[in-house]
Amino acid sequence: MIQKIFCVHDSVADAYLLPFFLPNTPMAVRSICDCLNDENHAFGRNPQDYTLFEIGTFNDATAEIEYITPYESLGNGVDLKKLMTNVLEEKQNAKE
């Protein structure tokens, strides 16, 4: 199975956090947004400092890693938090 590789960049530390693997981009965005909405998490306390990147793919059958160059920014924490808020509002409006 092909998994996508994601990584969060911390602009204050000027470093990438450890990468994580998920089957698709919406799952990665949701995962990060969960952290952004948690005031006890560093992402939630300082969303402006973190940017989510898709950096490649991992094939678990062959252990092959392919990198995207340049890495694809999926958005800064502030933007992703707004995006998730808009998605949730649209879902709520659709129910009404």
PDB file of N, CA and C in Angstrom:
ATOM      1  N   MET A   1       0.832  -1.173   0.000  1.00  0.00           N
ATOM      2  CA  MET A   1       0.000   0.000   0.000  1.00  0.00           C
ATOM      3  C   MET A   1       0.881   1.243   0.000  1.00  0.00           C
ATOM      4  N   ILE A   2       0.473   2.215  -0.774  1.00  0.00           N
ATOM      5  CA  ILE A   2       1.203   3.479  -0.831  1.00  0.00           C
ATOM      6  C   ILE A   2       0.658   4.403   0.252  1.00  0.00           C
ATOM      7  N   GLN A   3       1.542   4.896   1.079  1.00  0.00           N
ATOM      8  CA  GLN A   3       1.203   5.875   2.107  1.00  0.00           C
ATOM      9  C   GLN A   3       1.852   7.202   1.721  1.00  0.00           C
ATOM     10  N   LYS A   4       1.151   8.282   2.000  1.00  0.00           N
ATOM     11  CA  LYS A   4       1.750   9.594   1.782  1.00  0.00           C
ATOM     12  C   LYS A   4       2.546   9.970   3.025  1.00  0.00           C
ATOM     13  N   ILE A   5       3.590  10.737   2.802  1.00  0.00           N
ATOM     14  CA  ILE A   5       4.447  11.190   3.897  1.00  0.00           C
ATOM     15  C   ILE A   5       4.204  12.675   4.110  1.00  0.00           C
ATOM     16  N   PHE A   6       3.949  13.034   5.369  1.00  0.00           N
ATOM     17  CA  PHE A   6       3.690  14.418   5.740  1.00  0.00           C
ATOM     18  C   PHE A   6       4.665  14.846   6.822  1.00  0.00           C
ATOM     19  N   CYS A   7       4.892  16.150   6.881  1.00  0.00           N
ATOM     20  CA  CYS A   7       5.807  16.691   7.871  1.00  0.00           C
ATOM     21  C   CYS A   7       5.343  18.102   8.224  1.00  0.00           C
ATOM     22  N   VAL A   8       5.522  18.475   9.465  1.00  0.00           N
ATOM     23  CA  VAL A   8       5.171  19.821   9.909  1.00  0.00           C
ATOM     24  C   VAL A   8       6.461  20.602  10.109  1.00  0.00           C
ATOM     25  N   HIS A   9       6.487  21.821   9.562  1.00  0.00           N
ATOM     26  CA  HIS A   9       7.636  22.698   9.758  1.00  0.00           C
ATOM     27  C   HIS A   9       7.325  23.683  10.874  1.00  0.00           C
ATOM     28  N   ASP A  10       8.247  23.804  11.814  1.00  0.00           N
ATOM     29  CA  ASP A  10       8.149  24.749  12.921  1.00  0.00           C
ATOM     30  C   ASP A  10       9.016  25.947  12.556  1.00  0.00           C
ATOM     31  N   SER A  11       8.372  27.081  12.272  1.00  0.00           N
ATOM     32  CA  SER A  11       9.123  28.254  11.811  1.00  0.00           C
ATOM     33  C   SER A  11       9.977  28.876  12.906  1.00  0.00           C
ATOM     34  N   VAL A  12       9.590  28.735  14.162  1.00  0.00           N
ATOM     35  CA  VAL A  12      10.384  29.298  15.255  1.00  0.00           C
ATOM     36  C   VAL A  12      11.674  28.492  15.434  1.00  0.00           C
ATOM     37  N   ALA A  13      11.561  27.186  15.400  1.00  0.00           N
ATOM     38  CA  ALA A  13      12.740  26.322  15.516  1.00  0.00           C
ATOM     39  C   ALA A  13      13.495  26.221  14.195  1.00  0.00           C
ATOM     40  N   ASP A  14      12.846  26.630  13.105  1.00  0.00           N
ATOM     41  CA  ASP A  14      13.378  26.472  11.749  1.00  0.00           C
ATOM     42  C   ASP A  14      13.802  25.017  11.520  1.00  0.00           C
ATOM     43  N   ALA A  15      12.842  24.125  11.837  1.00  0.00           N
ATOM     44  CA  ALA A  15      13.110  22.693  11.705  1.00  0.00           C
ATOM     45  C   ALA A  15      11.806  21.969  11.378  1.00  0.00           C
ATOM     46  N   TYR A  16      11.964  20.810  10.746  1.00  0.00           N
ATOM     47  CA  TYR A  16      10.825  19.942  10.461  1.00  0.00           C
ATOM     48  C   TYR A  16      10.657  18.959  11.605  1.00  0.00           C
ATOM     49  N   LEU A  17       9.418  18.730  12.007  1.00  0.00           N
ATOM     50  CA  LEU A  17       9.125  17.715  13.015  1.00  0.00           C
ATOM     51  C   LEU A  17       9.180  16.344  12.347  1.00  0.00           C
ATOM     52  N   LEU A  18       9.143  15.291  13.142  1.00  0.00           N
ATOM     53  CA  LEU A  18       9.210  13.945  12.584  1.00  0.00           C
ATOM     54  C   LEU A  18       8.073  13.718  11.594  1.00  0.00           C
ATOM     55  N   PRO A  19       8.366  13.062  10.476  1.00  0.00           N
ATOM     56  CA  PRO A  19       7.314  12.818   9.478  1.00  0.00           C
ATOM     57  C   PRO A  19       6.297  11.800   9.989  1.00  0.00           C
ATOM     58  N   PHE A  20       5.116  11.846   9.377  1.00  0.00           N
ATOM     59  CA  PHE A  20       4.094  10.851   9.676  1.00  0.00           C
ATOM     60  C   PHE A  20       3.475  10.385   8.371  1.00  0.00           C
ATOM     61  N   PHE A  21       2.852   9.224   8.406  1.00  0.00           N
ATOM     62  CA  PHE A  21       2.366   8.541   7.214  1.00  0.00           C
ATOM     63  C   PHE A  21       0.863   8.331   7.324  1.00  0.00           C
ATOM     64  N   LEU A  22       0.138   8.675   6.261  1.00  0.00           N
ATOM     65  CA  LEU A  22      -1.304   8.438   6.181  1.00  0.00           C
ATOM     66  C   LEU A  22      -1.673   8.137   4.733  1.00  0.00           C
ATOM     67  N   PRO A  23      -2.803   7.467   4.508  1.00  0.00           N
ATOM     68  CA  PRO A  23      -3.183   7.097   3.146  1.00  0.00           C
ATOM     69  C   PRO A  23      -3.505   8.268   2.230  1.00  0.00           C
ATOM     70  N   ASN A  24      -3.993   9.394   2.805  1.00  0.00           N
ATOM     71  CA  ASN A  24      -4.362  10.501   1.922  1.00  0.00           C
ATOM     72  C   ASN A  24      -4.246  11.850   2.616  1.00  0.00           C
ATOM     73  N   THR A  25      -4.295  12.901   1.816  1.00  0.00           N
ATOM     74  CA  THR A  25      -4.102  14.266   2.303  1.00  0.00           C
ATOM     75  C   THR A  25      -5.216  14.735   3.232  1.00  0.00           C
ATOM     76  N   PRO A  26      -6.500  14.476   2.931  1.00  0.00           N
ATOM     77  CA  PRO A  26      -7.533  14.934   3.863  1.00  0.00           C
ATOM     78  C   PRO A  26      -7.366  14.365   5.277  1.00  0.00           C
ATOM     79  N   MET A  27      -6.879  13.150   5.388  1.00  0.00           N
ATOM     80  CA  MET A  27      -6.649  12.575   6.715  1.00  0.00           C
ATOM     81  C   MET A  27      -5.542  13.318   7.452  1.00  0.00           C
ATOM     82  N   ALA A  28      -4.510  13.725   6.733  1.00  0.00           N
ATOM     83  CA  ALA A  28      -3.410  14.475   7.351  1.00  0.00           C
ATOM     84  C   ALA A  28      -3.892  15.853   7.815  1.00  0.00           C
ATOM     85  N   VAL A  29      -4.690  16.505   6.980  1.00  0.00           N
ATOM     86  CA  VAL A  29      -5.220  17.822   7.348  1.00  0.00           C
ATOM     87  C   VAL A  29      -6.097  17.687   8.586  1.00  0.00           C
ATOM     88  N   ARG A  30      -6.961  16.680   8.609  1.00  0.00           N
ATOM     89  CA  ARG A  30      -7.826  16.474   9.773  1.00  0.00           C
ATOM     90  C   ARG A  30      -6.998  16.219  11.029  1.00  0.00           C
ATOM     91  N   SER A  31      -5.967  15.415  10.912  1.00  0.00           N
ATOM     92  CA  SER A  31      -5.114  15.095  12.052  1.00  0.00           C
ATOM     93  C   SER A  31      -4.454  16.356  12.614  1.00  0.00           C
ATOM     94  N   ILE A  32      -3.925  17.171  11.732  1.00  0.00           N
ATOM     95  CA  ILE A  32      -3.283  18.413  12.172  1.00  0.00           C
ATOM     96  C   ILE A  32      -4.313  19.370  12.744  1.00  0.00           C
ATOM     97  N   CYS A  33      -5.481  19.449  12.128  1.00  0.00           N
ATOM     98  CA  CYS A  33      -6.534  20.345  12.623  1.00  0.00           C
ATOM     99  C   CYS A  33      -6.994  19.934  14.017  1.00  0.00           C
ATOM    100  N   ASP A  34      -7.015  18.643  14.313  1.00  0.00           N
ATOM    101  CA  ASP A  34      -7.333  18.200  15.667  1.00  0.00           C
ATOM    102  C   ASP A  34      -6.347  18.798  16.665  1.00  0.00           C
ATOM    103  N   CYS A  35      -5.084  18.816  16.298  1.00  0.00           N
ATOM    104  CA  CYS A  35      -4.055  19.399  17.169  1.00  0.00           C
ATOM    105  C   CYS A  35      -4.204  20.918  17.244  1.00  0.00           C
ATOM    106  N   LEU A  36      -4.510  21.549  16.119  1.00  0.00           N
ATOM    107  CA  LEU A  36      -4.672  23.001  16.088  1.00  0.00           C
ATOM    108  C   LEU A  36      -5.838  23.469  16.952  1.00  0.00           C
ATOM    109  N   ASN A  37      -6.848  22.631  17.092  1.00  0.00           N
ATOM    110  CA  ASN A  37      -8.014  22.991  17.894  1.00  0.00           C
ATOM    111  C   ASN A  37      -7.876  22.612  19.356  1.00  0.00           C
ATOM    112  N   ASP A  38      -6.738  22.060  19.737  1.00  0.00           N
ATOM    113  CA  ASP A  38      -6.477  21.673  21.118  1.00  0.00           C
ATOM    114  C   ASP A  38      -5.560  22.725  21.751  1.00  0.00           C
ATOM    115  N   GLU A  39      -6.097  23.510  22.670  1.00  0.00           N
ATOM    116  CA  GLU A  39      -5.315  24.575  23.306  1.00  0.00           C
ATOM    117  C   GLU A  39      -4.184  24.035  24.177  1.00  0.00           C
ATOM    118  N   ASN A  40      -4.211  22.750  24.500  1.00  0.00           N
ATOM    119  CA  ASN A  40      -3.137  22.147  25.287  1.00  0.00           C
ATOM    120  C   ASN A  40      -1.999  21.631  24.414  1.00  0.00           C
ATOM    121  N   HIS A  41      -2.175  21.683  23.105  1.00  0.00           N
ATOM    122  CA  HIS A  41      -1.146  21.226  22.153  1.00  0.00           C
ATOM    123  C   HIS A  41      -0.376  22.448  21.650  1.00  0.00           C
ATOM    124  N   ALA A  42       0.903  22.276  21.389  1.00  0.00           N
ATOM    125  CA  ALA A  42       1.724  23.390  20.886  1.00  0.00           C
ATOM    126  C   ALA A  42       1.145  23.977  19.603  1.00  0.00           C
ATOM    127  N   PHE A  43       0.598  23.130  18.718  1.00  0.00           N
ATOM    128  CA  PHE A  43       0.003  23.632  17.477  1.00  0.00           C
ATOM    129  C   PHE A  43      -1.175  24.553  17.786  1.00  0.00           C
ATOM    130  N   GLY A  44      -1.959  24.191  18.787  1.00  0.00           N
ATOM    131  CA  GLY A  44      -3.126  24.988  19.151  1.00  0.00           C
ATOM    132  C   GLY A  44      -2.759  26.307  19.810  1.00  0.00           C
ATOM    133  N   ARG A  45      -1.663  26.307  20.555  1.00  0.00           N
ATOM    134  CA  ARG A  45      -1.229  27.532  21.225  1.00  0.00           C
ATOM    135  C   ARG A  45      -0.566  28.508  20.270  1.00  0.00           C
ATOM    136  N   ASN A  46       0.087  28.003  19.233  1.00  0.00           N
ATOM    137  CA  ASN A  46       0.841  28.865  18.302  1.00  0.00           C
ATOM    138  C   ASN A  46       0.655  28.413  16.859  1.00  0.00           C
ATOM    139  N   PRO A  47      -0.572  28.424  16.346  1.00  0.00           N
ATOM    140  CA  PRO A  47      -0.817  27.883  14.999  1.00  0.00           C
ATOM    141  C   PRO A  47      -0.027  28.586  13.896  1.00  0.00           C
ATOM    142  N   GLN A  48       0.298  29.834  14.117  1.00  0.00           N
ATOM    143  CA  GLN A  48       1.043  30.593  13.103  1.00  0.00           C
ATOM    144  C   GLN A  48       2.457  30.062  12.885  1.00  0.00           C
ATOM    145  N   ASP A  49       2.962  29.286  13.833  1.00  0.00           N
ATOM    146  CA  ASP A  49       4.341  28.798  13.757  1.00  0.00           C
ATOM    147  C   ASP A  49       4.502  27.496  12.979  1.00  0.00           C
ATOM    148  N   TYR A  50       3.388  26.867  12.603  1.00  0.00           N
ATOM    149  CA  TYR A  50       3.455  25.527  12.023  1.00  0.00           C
ATOM    150  C   TYR A  50       2.827  25.467  10.636  1.00  0.00           C
ATOM    151  N   THR A  51       3.509  24.787   9.727  1.00  0.00           N
ATOM    152  CA  THR A  51       3.012  24.600   8.361  1.00  0.00           C
ATOM    153  C   THR A  51       3.103  23.120   8.016  1.00  0.00           C
ATOM    154  N   LEU A  52       2.018  22.606   7.467  1.00  0.00           N
ATOM    155  CA  LEU A  52       1.953  21.202   7.070  1.00  0.00           C
ATOM    156  C   LEU A  52       2.444  21.041   5.638  1.00  0.00           C
ATOM    157  N   PHE A  53       3.313  20.059   5.420  1.00  0.00           N
ATOM    158  CA  PHE A  53       3.841  19.750   4.097  1.00  0.00           C
ATOM    159  C   PHE A  53       3.593  18.292   3.755  1.00  0.00           C
ATOM    160  N   GLU A  54       3.298  18.049   2.475  1.00  0.00           N
ATOM    161  CA  GLU A  54       3.357  16.694   1.933  1.00  0.00           C
ATOM    162  C   GLU A  54       4.731  16.574   1.315  1.00  0.00           C
ATOM    163  N   ILE A  55       5.492  15.547   1.730  1.00  0.00           N
ATOM    164  CA  ILE A  55       6.876  15.469   1.267  1.00  0.00           C
ATOM    165  C   ILE A  55       7.179  14.266   0.381  1.00  0.00           C
ATOM    166  N   GLY A  56       6.217  13.341   0.253  1.00  0.00           N
ATOM    167  CA  GLY A  56       6.478  12.195  -0.613  1.00  0.00           C
ATOM    168  C   GLY A  56       5.542  11.038  -0.355  1.00  0.00           C
ATOM    169  N   THR A  57       5.976   9.860  -0.823  1.00  0.00           N
ATOM    170  CA  THR A  57       5.202   8.628  -0.650  1.00  0.00           C
ATOM    171  C   THR A  57       6.118   7.508  -0.163  1.00  0.00           C
ATOM    172  N   PHE A  58       5.485   6.543   0.505  1.00  0.00           N
ATOM    173  CA  PHE A  58       6.183   5.366   1.005  1.00  0.00           C
ATOM    174  C   PHE A  58       5.401   4.133   0.573  1.00  0.00           C
ATOM    175  N   ASN A  59       6.087   3.214  -0.076  1.00  0.00           N
ATOM    176  CA  ASN A  59       5.473   1.960  -0.507  1.00  0.00           C
ATOM    177  C   ASN A  59       5.827   0.890   0.519  1.00  0.00           C
ATOM    178  N   ASP A  60       4.815   0.423   1.276  1.00  0.00           N
ATOM    179  CA  ASP A  60       5.116  -0.540   2.340  1.00  0.00           C
ATOM    180  C   ASP A  60       5.426  -1.949   1.824  1.00  0.00           C
ATOM    181  N   ALA A  61       5.202  -2.204   0.538  1.00  0.00           N
ATOM    182  CA  ALA A  61       5.546  -3.502  -0.041  1.00  0.00           C
ATOM    183  C   ALA A  61       7.012  -3.573  -0.454  1.00  0.00           C
ATOM    184  N   THR A  62       7.580  -2.416  -0.796  1.00  0.00           N
ATOM    185  CA  THR A  62       8.954  -2.396  -1.295  1.00  0.00           C
ATOM    186  C   THR A  62       9.904  -1.532  -0.467  1.00  0.00           C
ATOM    187  N   ALA A  63       9.353  -0.770   0.482  1.00  0.00           N
ATOM    188  CA  ALA A  63      10.111   0.174   1.316  1.00  0.00           C
ATOM    189  C   ALA A  63      10.674   1.339   0.507  1.00  0.00           C
ATOM    190  N   GLU A  64      10.147   1.534  -0.696  1.00  0.00           N
ATOM    191  CA  GLU A  64      10.605   2.656  -1.522  1.00  0.00           C
ATOM    192  C   GLU A  64       9.974   3.950  -1.046  1.00  0.00           C
ATOM    193  N   ILE A  65      10.809   4.976  -0.974  1.00  0.00           N
ATOM    194  CA  ILE A  65      10.359   6.323  -0.644  1.00  0.00           C
ATOM    195  C   ILE A  65      10.618   7.210  -1.847  1.00  0.00           C
ATOM    196  N   GLU A  66       9.601   7.939  -2.255  1.00  0.00           N
ATOM    197  CA  GLU A  66       9.749   8.920  -3.329  1.00  0.00           C
ATOM    198  C   GLU A  66       9.421  10.281  -2.746  1.00  0.00           C
ATOM    199  N   TYR A  67      10.319  11.219  -2.955  1.00  0.00           N
ATOM    200  CA  TYR A  67      10.116  12.561  -2.427  1.00  0.00           C
ATOM    201  C   TYR A  67       9.532  13.492  -3.476  1.00  0.00           C
ATOM    202  N   ILE A  68       8.717  14.423  -3.018  1.00  0.00           N
ATOM    203  CA  ILE A  68       8.202  15.503  -3.869  1.00  0.00           C
ATOM    204  C   ILE A  68       9.207  16.639  -3.766  1.00  0.00           C
ATOM    205  N   THR A  69       9.587  17.182  -4.899  1.00  0.00           N
ATOM    206  CA  THR A  69      10.487  18.327  -4.880  1.00  0.00           C
ATOM    207  C   THR A  69       9.917  19.446  -5.713  1.00  0.00           C
ATOM    208  N   PRO A  70       9.722  20.628  -5.183  1.00  0.00           N
ATOM    209  CA  PRO A  70       9.824  20.950  -3.764  1.00  0.00           C
ATOM    210  C   PRO A  70       8.650  20.361  -2.994  1.00  0.00           C
ATOM    211  N   TYR A  71       8.802  20.337  -1.681  1.00  0.00           N
ATOM    212  CA  TYR A  71       7.707  19.842  -0.841  1.00  0.00           C
ATOM    213  C   TYR A  71       6.458  20.672  -1.083  1.00  0.00           C
ATOM    214  N   GLU A  72       5.287  20.037  -0.960  1.00  0.00           N
ATOM    215  CA  GLU A  72       4.025  20.727  -1.214  1.00  0.00           C
ATOM    216  C   GLU A  72       3.426  21.229   0.093  1.00  0.00           C
ATOM    217  N   SER A  73       3.362  22.558   0.221  1.00  0.00           N
ATOM    218  CA  SER A  73       2.749  23.146   1.409  1.00  0.00           C
ATOM    219  C   SER A  73       1.240  22.939   1.350  1.00  0.00           C
ATOM    220  N   LEU A  74       0.684  22.414   2.429  1.00  0.00           N
ATOM    221  CA  LEU A  74      -0.762  22.220   2.523  1.00  0.00           C
ATOM    222  C   LEU A  74      -1.402  23.319   3.361  1.00  0.00           C
ATOM    223  N   GLY A  75      -0.583  24.205   3.876  1.00  0.00           N
ATOM    224  CA  GLY A  75      -1.096  25.367   4.586  1.00  0.00           C
ATOM    225  C   GLY A  75      -0.479  25.564   5.954  1.00  0.00           C
ATOM    226  N   ASN A  76      -0.478  26.812   6.357  1.00  0.00           N
ATOM    227  CA  ASN A  76      -0.045  27.214   7.678  1.00  0.00           C
ATOM    228  C   ASN A  76      -1.142  26.865   8.684  1.00  0.00           C
ATOM    229  N   GLY A  77      -0.792  26.715   9.939  1.00  0.00           N
ATOM    230  CA  GLY A  77      -1.754  26.369  10.966  1.00  0.00           C
ATOM    231  C   GLY A  77      -2.947  27.305  11.036  1.00  0.00           C
ATOM    232  N   VAL A  78      -2.715  28.587  10.872  1.00  0.00           N
ATOM    233  CA  VAL A  78      -3.812  29.561  10.911  1.00  0.00           C
ATOM    234  C   VAL A  78      -4.773  29.301   9.751  1.00  0.00           C
ATOM    235  N   ASP A  79      -4.232  29.088   8.563  1.00  0.00           N
ATOM    236  CA  ASP A  79      -5.062  28.841   7.375  1.00  0.00           C
ATOM    237  C   ASP A  79      -5.813  27.516   7.488  1.00  0.00           C
ATOM    238  N   LEU A  80      -5.137  26.484   7.978  1.00  0.00           N
ATOM    239  CA  LEU A  80      -5.778  25.176   8.112  1.00  0.00           C
ATOM    240  C   LEU A  80      -6.897  25.217   9.148  1.00  0.00           C
ATOM    241  N   LYS A  81      -6.688  25.970  10.213  1.00  0.00           N
ATOM    242  CA  LYS A  81      -7.717  26.104  11.246  1.00  0.00           C
ATOM    243  C   LYS A  81      -8.958  26.786  10.670  1.00  0.00           C
ATOM    244  N   LYS A  82      -8.740  27.834   9.856  1.00  0.00           N
ATOM    245  CA  LYS A  82      -9.856  28.526   9.194  1.00  0.00           C
ATOM    246  C   LYS A  82     -10.568  27.587   8.225  1.00  0.00           C
ATOM    247  N   LEU A  83      -9.793  26.827   7.464  1.00  0.00           N
ATOM    248  CA  LEU A  83     -10.363  25.880   6.502  1.00  0.00           C
ATOM    249  C   LEU A  83     -11.262  24.873   7.213  1.00  0.00           C
ATOM    250  N   MET A  84     -10.786  24.301   8.301  1.00  0.00           N
ATOM    251  CA  MET A  84     -11.568  23.310   9.029  1.00  0.00           C
ATOM    252  C   MET A  84     -12.824  23.946   9.622  1.00  0.00           C
ATOM    253  N   THR A  85     -12.717  25.170  10.113  1.00  0.00           N
ATOM    254  CA  THR A  85     -13.886  25.870  10.644  1.00  0.00           C
ATOM    255  C   THR A  85     -14.924  26.060   9.552  1.00  0.00           C
ATOM    256  N   ASN A  86     -14.484  26.437   8.355  1.00  0.00           N
ATOM    257  CA  ASN A  86     -15.402  26.624   7.234  1.00  0.00           C
ATOM    258  C   ASN A  86     -16.062  25.312   6.822  1.00  0.00           C
ATOM    259  N   VAL A  87     -15.310  24.240   6.807  1.00  0.00           N
ATOM    260  CA  VAL A  87     -15.864  22.930   6.443  1.00  0.00           C
ATOM    261  C   VAL A  87     -16.927  22.515   7.451  1.00  0.00           C
ATOM    262  N   LEU A  88     -16.635  22.694   8.727  1.00  0.00           N
ATOM    263  CA  LEU A  88     -17.595  22.323   9.768  1.00  0.00           C
ATOM    264  C   LEU A  88     -18.859  23.176   9.693  1.00  0.00           C
ATOM    265  N   GLU A  89     -18.693  24.472   9.398  1.00  0.00           N
ATOM    266  CA  GLU A  89     -19.855  25.347   9.254  1.00  0.00           C
ATOM    267  C   GLU A  89     -20.712  24.930   8.058  1.00  0.00           C
ATOM    268  N   GLU A  90     -20.067  24.574   6.951  1.00  0.00           N
ATOM    269  CA  GLU A  90     -20.813  24.126   5.762  1.00  0.00           C
ATOM    270  C   GLU A  90     -21.585  22.842   6.058  1.00  0.00           C
ATOM    271  N   LYS A  91     -20.975  21.928   6.792  1.00  0.00           N
ATOM    272  CA  LYS A  91     -21.673  20.690   7.154  1.00  0.00           C
ATOM    273  C   LYS A  91     -22.873  20.991   8.041  1.00  0.00           C
ATOM    274  N   GLN A  92     -22.690  21.900   8.980  1.00  0.00           N
ATOM    275  CA  GLN A  92     -23.782  22.256   9.880  1.00  0.00           C
ATOM    276  C   GLN A  92     -24.914  22.921   9.102  1.00  0.00           C
ATOM    277  N   ASN A  93     -24.579  23.820   8.183  1.00  0.00           N
ATOM    278  CA  ASN A  93     -25.589  24.497   7.372  1.00  0.00           C
ATOM    279  C   ASN A  93     -26.341  23.518   6.472  1.00  0.00           C
ATOM    280  N   ALA A  94     -25.641  22.502   5.991  1.00  0.00           N
ATOM    281  CA  ALA A  94     -26.283  21.508   5.125  1.00  0.00           C
ATOM    282  C   ALA A  94     -27.302  20.672   5.903  1.00  0.00           C
ATOM    283  N   LYS A  95     -27.070  20.485   7.201  1.00  0.00           N
ATOM    284  CA  LYS A  95     -27.989  19.714   8.035  1.00  0.00           C
ATOM    285  C   LYS A  95     -29.266  20.508   8.331  1.00  0.00           C
ATOM    286  N   GLU A  96     -29.158  21.837   8.348  1.00  0.00           N
ATOM    287  CA  GLU A  96     -30.321  22.671   8.721  1.00  0.00           C
ATOM    288  C   GLU A  96     -31.297  22.841   7.609  1.00  0.00           C
TER     289      GLU A  96
END
